[in-house]
Protein backbone atom coordinates (compact mmCIF):
# COMPACT_ATOMS: atom_id res chain seq x y z
CA MET A 1 14.63 32.79 -32.38
CA THR A 2 10.96 32.13 -31.79
CA VAL A 3 9.17 28.88 -32.52
CA PRO A 4 7.35 30.32 -35.58
CA GLU A 5 10.67 31.60 -36.99
CA ALA A 6 12.33 28.23 -36.44
CA ALA A 7 9.39 26.43 -38.03
CA ALA A 8 9.66 28.63 -41.11
CA ARG A 9 13.40 27.98 -41.34
CA LEU A 10 12.80 24.22 -41.06
CA GLY A 11 9.97 24.30 -43.58
CA ILE A 12 7.45 22.82 -41.15
CA SER A 13 4.30 24.17 -39.57
CA GLU A 14 4.38 25.92 -36.22
CA ARG A 15 2.27 23.10 -34.79
CA ALA A 16 4.80 20.51 -35.99
CA ALA A 17 7.60 22.53 -34.38
CA TRP A 18 5.74 22.62 -31.07
CA GLN A 19 5.17 18.85 -31.25
CA ARG A 20 8.89 18.27 -31.79
CA ILE A 21 9.68 20.54 -28.83
CA TYR A 22 7.28 18.63 -26.56
CA ARG A 23 8.85 15.33 -27.69
CA GLY A 24 12.37 16.66 -27.07
CA GLN A 25 13.29 16.35 -30.74
CA LEU A 26 13.99 20.04 -31.36
CA PRO A 27 16.62 21.91 -29.32
CA HIS A 28 15.12 24.71 -27.27
CA ARG A 29 15.51 26.71 -24.08
CA ARG A 30 12.88 27.97 -21.70
CA TRP A 31 13.17 31.51 -20.46
CA GLY A 32 10.40 31.88 -17.94
CA ARG A 33 7.27 31.00 -19.88
CA ARG A 34 8.88 31.75 -23.23
CA VAL A 35 10.38 29.06 -25.43
CA ILE A 36 13.30 30.12 -27.58
CA ILE A 37 15.44 28.22 -30.02
CA PRO A 38 19.08 29.33 -30.10
CA LEU A 39 20.22 29.83 -33.68
CA ASP A 40 23.48 27.92 -33.14
CA ASP A 41 21.57 24.93 -31.75
CA LEU A 42 19.13 24.99 -34.65
CA GLU A 43 21.94 25.13 -37.23
CA ALA A 44 23.72 22.22 -35.52
CA PHE A 45 20.45 20.29 -35.50
CA ILE A 46 19.95 20.88 -39.22
CA LYS A 47 23.53 19.84 -40.03
CA ALA A 48 23.06 16.62 -38.03
CA LEU A 49 20.00 15.58 -40.04
CA PRO A 50 20.57 12.64 -42.37
CA GLY A 51 21.09 13.43 -46.03
CA CYS A 52 23.50 15.68 -47.80
CA SER A 53 24.25 19.35 -47.48
CA VAL A 54 23.26 21.92 -50.07
CA GLU A 55 26.88 22.20 -51.16
CA GLU A 56 27.16 18.42 -51.64
CA ALA A 57 23.94 18.35 -53.66
CA LEU A 58 25.12 21.18 -55.91
CA ASP A 59 28.50 19.48 -56.42
CA GLU A 60 26.70 16.27 -57.39
CA ILE A 61 24.53 18.14 -59.89
CA ASN A 62 27.52 19.97 -61.38
CA ASP A 63 29.56 16.74 -61.63
CA GLY A 64 26.69 15.13 -63.56
CA ARG A 65 26.76 17.90 -66.18
CA ARG A 66 30.43 17.42 -67.04
């Protein structure tokens, strides 16, 4: 996926995505002059972020209603 697509998926600006790439904080690959972000790497990166998953959050909300 492209950097703008990854930025949209992460909910950050394209500029913020580029900054994270330059700092080595966002997984990416270079293909010639192009920078691509493999979808599998991006999903693994998102899962590794601190916090809870969407499923865990929904379970917590549903448990609170019972």
